[in-house]
N, C-alpha and C. Protein backbone atom coordinates (compact mmCIF):
# COMPACT_ATOMS: atom_id res chain seq x y z
N MET A 1 -3.26 4.01 48.14
CA MET A 1 -2.43 3.11 47.38
C MET A 1 -3.23 1.85 47.05
N SER A 2 -3.23 1.42 45.81
CA SER A 2 -4.02 0.26 45.42
C SER A 2 -3.15 -0.99 45.40
N THR A 3 -3.79 -2.10 45.68
CA THR A 3 -3.09 -3.37 45.67
C THR A 3 -3.33 -4.07 44.34
N ASP A 4 -2.62 -5.16 44.14
CA ASP A 4 -2.79 -5.93 42.90
C ASP A 4 -4.20 -6.49 42.79
N ASN A 5 -4.80 -6.88 43.91
CA ASN A 5 -6.16 -7.44 43.88
C ASN A 5 -7.17 -6.39 43.45
N GLU A 6 -7.00 -5.14 43.86
CA GLU A 6 -7.93 -4.08 43.47
C GLU A 6 -7.82 -3.79 41.98
N GLN A 7 -6.62 -3.85 41.44
CA GLN A 7 -6.44 -3.60 40.01
C GLN A 7 -7.01 -4.75 39.19
N ALA A 8 -6.89 -5.98 39.67
CA ALA A 8 -7.41 -7.13 38.94
C ALA A 8 -8.94 -7.11 38.92
N ALA A 9 -9.56 -6.55 39.96
CA ALA A 9 -11.02 -6.52 40.03
C ALA A 9 -11.61 -5.33 39.28
N SER A 10 -10.78 -4.47 38.73
CA SER A 10 -11.26 -3.29 38.03
C SER A 10 -12.03 -3.68 36.78
N PRO A 11 -13.23 -3.11 36.55
CA PRO A 11 -14.03 -3.50 35.39
C PRO A 11 -13.51 -2.92 34.07
N THR A 12 -12.61 -1.96 34.11
CA THR A 12 -12.11 -1.37 32.87
C THR A 12 -10.88 -2.10 32.40
N ARG A 13 -10.73 -2.19 31.09
CA ARG A 13 -9.57 -2.82 30.49
C ARG A 13 -8.61 -1.76 30.01
N ARG A 14 -7.34 -2.01 30.20
CA ARG A 14 -6.34 -1.07 29.71
C ARG A 14 -5.69 -1.57 28.43
N TYR A 15 -5.82 -2.85 28.15
CA TYR A 15 -5.16 -3.44 27.00
C TYR A 15 -6.17 -4.20 26.15
N GLY A 16 -5.79 -4.46 24.93
CA GLY A 16 -6.66 -5.21 24.04
C GLY A 16 -7.10 -4.36 22.87
N PRO A 17 -7.82 -4.96 21.94
CA PRO A 17 -8.26 -4.21 20.76
C PRO A 17 -9.26 -3.12 21.13
N SER A 18 -9.14 -2.00 20.43
CA SER A 18 -10.05 -0.89 20.68
C SER A 18 -11.42 -1.19 20.06
N ARG A 19 -12.38 -0.31 20.33
CA ARG A 19 -13.73 -0.48 19.79
C ARG A 19 -13.68 -0.45 18.26
N GLY A 20 -12.88 0.42 17.68
CA GLY A 20 -12.75 0.50 16.23
C GLY A 20 -12.18 -0.78 15.64
N ASP A 21 -11.17 -1.36 16.33
CA ASP A 21 -10.61 -2.64 15.87
C ASP A 21 -11.66 -3.75 15.91
N LEU A 22 -12.44 -3.77 16.98
CA LEU A 22 -13.48 -4.80 17.09
C LEU A 22 -14.55 -4.61 16.03
N MET A 23 -14.90 -3.37 15.72
CA MET A 23 -15.88 -3.11 14.66
C MET A 23 -15.34 -3.60 13.31
N PHE A 24 -14.07 -3.31 13.03
CA PHE A 24 -13.46 -3.77 11.78
C PHE A 24 -13.47 -5.30 11.71
N ARG A 25 -13.08 -5.95 12.80
CA ARG A 25 -13.05 -7.41 12.82
C ARG A 25 -14.45 -7.99 12.61
N THR A 26 -15.45 -7.35 13.20
CA THR A 26 -16.83 -7.81 13.04
C THR A 26 -17.26 -7.71 11.57
N CYS A 27 -16.99 -6.57 10.95
CA CYS A 27 -17.37 -6.39 9.54
C CYS A 27 -16.58 -7.32 8.62
N PHE A 28 -15.29 -7.49 8.90
CA PHE A 28 -14.45 -8.38 8.11
C PHE A 28 -14.94 -9.82 8.20
N ALA A 29 -15.29 -10.27 9.41
CA ALA A 29 -15.76 -11.64 9.59
C ALA A 29 -17.11 -11.85 8.91
N ALA A 30 -18.00 -10.87 9.01
CA ALA A 30 -19.30 -10.99 8.35
C ALA A 30 -19.13 -11.05 6.83
N ALA A 31 -18.23 -10.23 6.30
CA ALA A 31 -17.97 -10.25 4.86
C ALA A 31 -17.36 -11.59 4.44
N GLY A 32 -16.45 -12.12 5.26
CA GLY A 32 -15.85 -13.42 4.96
C GLY A 32 -16.87 -14.54 4.94
N LEU A 33 -17.78 -14.53 5.90
CA LEU A 33 -18.85 -15.54 5.92
C LEU A 33 -19.77 -15.39 4.72
N ALA A 34 -20.08 -14.14 4.36
CA ALA A 34 -20.95 -13.90 3.20
C ALA A 34 -20.28 -14.37 1.91
N LEU A 35 -18.99 -14.11 1.77
CA LEU A 35 -18.28 -14.55 0.57
C LEU A 35 -18.14 -16.08 0.52
N THR A 36 -17.96 -16.70 1.68
CA THR A 36 -17.91 -18.17 1.72
C THR A 36 -19.25 -18.76 1.30
N LEU A 37 -20.33 -18.17 1.82
CA LEU A 37 -21.67 -18.62 1.43
C LEU A 37 -21.90 -18.40 -0.07
N ALA A 38 -21.48 -17.25 -0.59
CA ALA A 38 -21.65 -16.96 -2.02
C ALA A 38 -20.87 -17.96 -2.87
N ALA A 39 -19.67 -18.30 -2.43
CA ALA A 39 -18.86 -19.26 -3.18
C ALA A 39 -19.52 -20.63 -3.20
N VAL A 40 -20.08 -21.05 -2.07
CA VAL A 40 -20.75 -22.35 -2.03
C VAL A 40 -22.02 -22.34 -2.88
N LEU A 41 -22.76 -21.24 -2.83
CA LEU A 41 -23.97 -21.15 -3.65
C LEU A 41 -23.64 -21.11 -5.14
N PHE A 42 -22.58 -20.42 -5.51
CA PHE A 42 -22.20 -20.28 -6.91
C PHE A 42 -21.57 -21.56 -7.46
N ARG A 43 -20.68 -22.17 -6.68
CA ARG A 43 -19.94 -23.34 -7.15
C ARG A 43 -20.60 -24.67 -6.78
N GLY A 44 -21.50 -24.63 -5.82
CA GLY A 44 -22.11 -25.87 -5.35
C GLY A 44 -21.31 -26.44 -4.18
N LEU A 45 -21.86 -27.49 -3.60
CA LEU A 45 -21.18 -28.13 -2.48
C LEU A 45 -19.88 -28.77 -2.94
N PRO A 46 -18.87 -28.78 -2.10
CA PRO A 46 -17.60 -29.40 -2.48
C PRO A 46 -17.77 -30.91 -2.73
N GLN A 47 -16.97 -31.42 -3.64
CA GLN A 47 -17.05 -32.84 -3.99
C GLN A 47 -15.99 -33.68 -3.28
N GLY A 48 -14.89 -33.07 -2.92
CA GLY A 48 -13.80 -33.82 -2.29
C GLY A 48 -13.49 -33.31 -0.90
N PRO A 49 -12.59 -34.02 -0.22
CA PRO A 49 -12.25 -33.62 1.15
C PRO A 49 -11.53 -32.28 1.23
N GLY A 50 -10.78 -31.92 0.21
CA GLY A 50 -10.08 -30.64 0.22
C GLY A 50 -11.03 -29.46 0.17
N GLY A 51 -12.09 -29.60 -0.61
CA GLY A 51 -13.09 -28.53 -0.67
C GLY A 51 -13.83 -28.36 0.64
N TRP A 52 -14.20 -29.49 1.25
CA TRP A 52 -14.87 -29.42 2.55
C TRP A 52 -13.95 -28.82 3.61
N GLU A 53 -12.68 -29.19 3.54
CA GLU A 53 -11.71 -28.65 4.50
C GLU A 53 -11.63 -27.13 4.38
N ALA A 54 -11.58 -26.62 3.16
CA ALA A 54 -11.49 -25.17 2.95
C ALA A 54 -12.74 -24.46 3.46
N VAL A 55 -13.90 -25.03 3.20
CA VAL A 55 -15.16 -24.41 3.65
C VAL A 55 -15.25 -24.44 5.17
N ILE A 56 -14.94 -25.56 5.78
CA ILE A 56 -15.03 -25.68 7.24
C ILE A 56 -14.05 -24.75 7.93
N ILE A 57 -12.82 -24.66 7.43
CA ILE A 57 -11.83 -23.77 8.05
C ILE A 57 -12.28 -22.31 7.92
N ALA A 58 -12.82 -21.94 6.76
CA ALA A 58 -13.30 -20.57 6.58
C ALA A 58 -14.45 -20.25 7.53
N VAL A 59 -15.40 -21.18 7.66
CA VAL A 59 -16.55 -20.94 8.53
C VAL A 59 -16.12 -20.87 10.00
N VAL A 60 -15.22 -21.73 10.41
CA VAL A 60 -14.75 -21.71 11.80
C VAL A 60 -13.97 -20.42 12.08
N PHE A 61 -13.09 -20.03 11.17
CA PHE A 61 -12.29 -18.82 11.37
C PHE A 61 -13.17 -17.57 11.41
N PHE A 62 -13.97 -17.38 10.37
CA PHE A 62 -14.79 -16.17 10.30
C PHE A 62 -15.91 -16.19 11.35
N GLY A 63 -16.51 -17.35 11.58
CA GLY A 63 -17.56 -17.44 12.59
C GLY A 63 -17.03 -17.20 14.00
N GLY A 64 -15.88 -17.76 14.31
CA GLY A 64 -15.27 -17.54 15.62
C GLY A 64 -14.88 -16.10 15.83
N THR A 65 -14.32 -15.48 14.80
CA THR A 65 -13.95 -14.07 14.89
C THR A 65 -15.18 -13.20 15.09
N LEU A 66 -16.25 -13.50 14.36
CA LEU A 66 -17.49 -12.73 14.49
C LEU A 66 -18.06 -12.85 15.89
N ILE A 67 -18.15 -14.05 16.42
CA ILE A 67 -18.71 -14.26 17.76
C ILE A 67 -17.84 -13.58 18.81
N TRP A 68 -16.53 -13.75 18.73
CA TRP A 68 -15.61 -13.16 19.71
C TRP A 68 -15.71 -11.64 19.69
N SER A 69 -15.72 -11.05 18.51
CA SER A 69 -15.77 -9.59 18.40
C SER A 69 -17.11 -9.04 18.88
N LEU A 70 -18.21 -9.66 18.46
CA LEU A 70 -19.53 -9.20 18.90
C LEU A 70 -19.69 -9.31 20.42
N ARG A 71 -19.19 -10.39 20.97
CA ARG A 71 -19.29 -10.58 22.42
C ARG A 71 -18.55 -9.47 23.17
N ARG A 72 -17.35 -9.14 22.71
CA ARG A 72 -16.59 -8.08 23.37
C ARG A 72 -17.23 -6.72 23.16
N LEU A 73 -17.79 -6.48 21.99
CA LEU A 73 -18.47 -5.21 21.73
C LEU A 73 -19.71 -5.05 22.61
N LEU A 74 -20.52 -6.10 22.69
CA LEU A 74 -21.75 -6.03 23.47
C LEU A 74 -21.49 -5.90 24.96
N ARG A 75 -20.43 -6.50 25.44
CA ARG A 75 -20.07 -6.40 26.85
C ARG A 75 -19.36 -5.09 27.18
N GLY A 76 -18.90 -4.39 26.16
CA GLY A 76 -18.12 -3.18 26.40
C GLY A 76 -16.73 -3.52 26.91
N ASP A 77 -16.23 -4.68 26.52
CA ASP A 77 -14.96 -5.18 27.00
C ASP A 77 -13.82 -4.72 26.09
N HIS A 78 -13.59 -3.41 26.08
CA HIS A 78 -12.49 -2.84 25.31
C HIS A 78 -12.01 -1.59 26.02
N PRO A 79 -10.78 -1.13 25.75
CA PRO A 79 -10.21 -0.02 26.50
C PRO A 79 -10.89 1.33 26.28
N ASP A 80 -11.78 1.45 25.32
CA ASP A 80 -12.42 2.74 25.03
C ASP A 80 -13.55 3.06 26.00
N THR A 81 -13.94 2.10 26.85
CA THR A 81 -15.07 2.33 27.76
C THR A 81 -14.67 3.09 28.98
């Protein structure tokens, strides 16, 4: 019979996004960053605070998603392992 402490120390995850979900999120985030970069290169740097806000929010969202997904993929921190 296992205790709660033994289950908490288990290296396998039973919940969370699957490997396929993490791969999709990684590709989606990379595409979002690429499109943000393309928009800045095509349109130039933003001139007002609203443009900077949009670029910063996009970079933070897509960059954070990319880092989070890659980290979980590289660690094998998903229920498929």
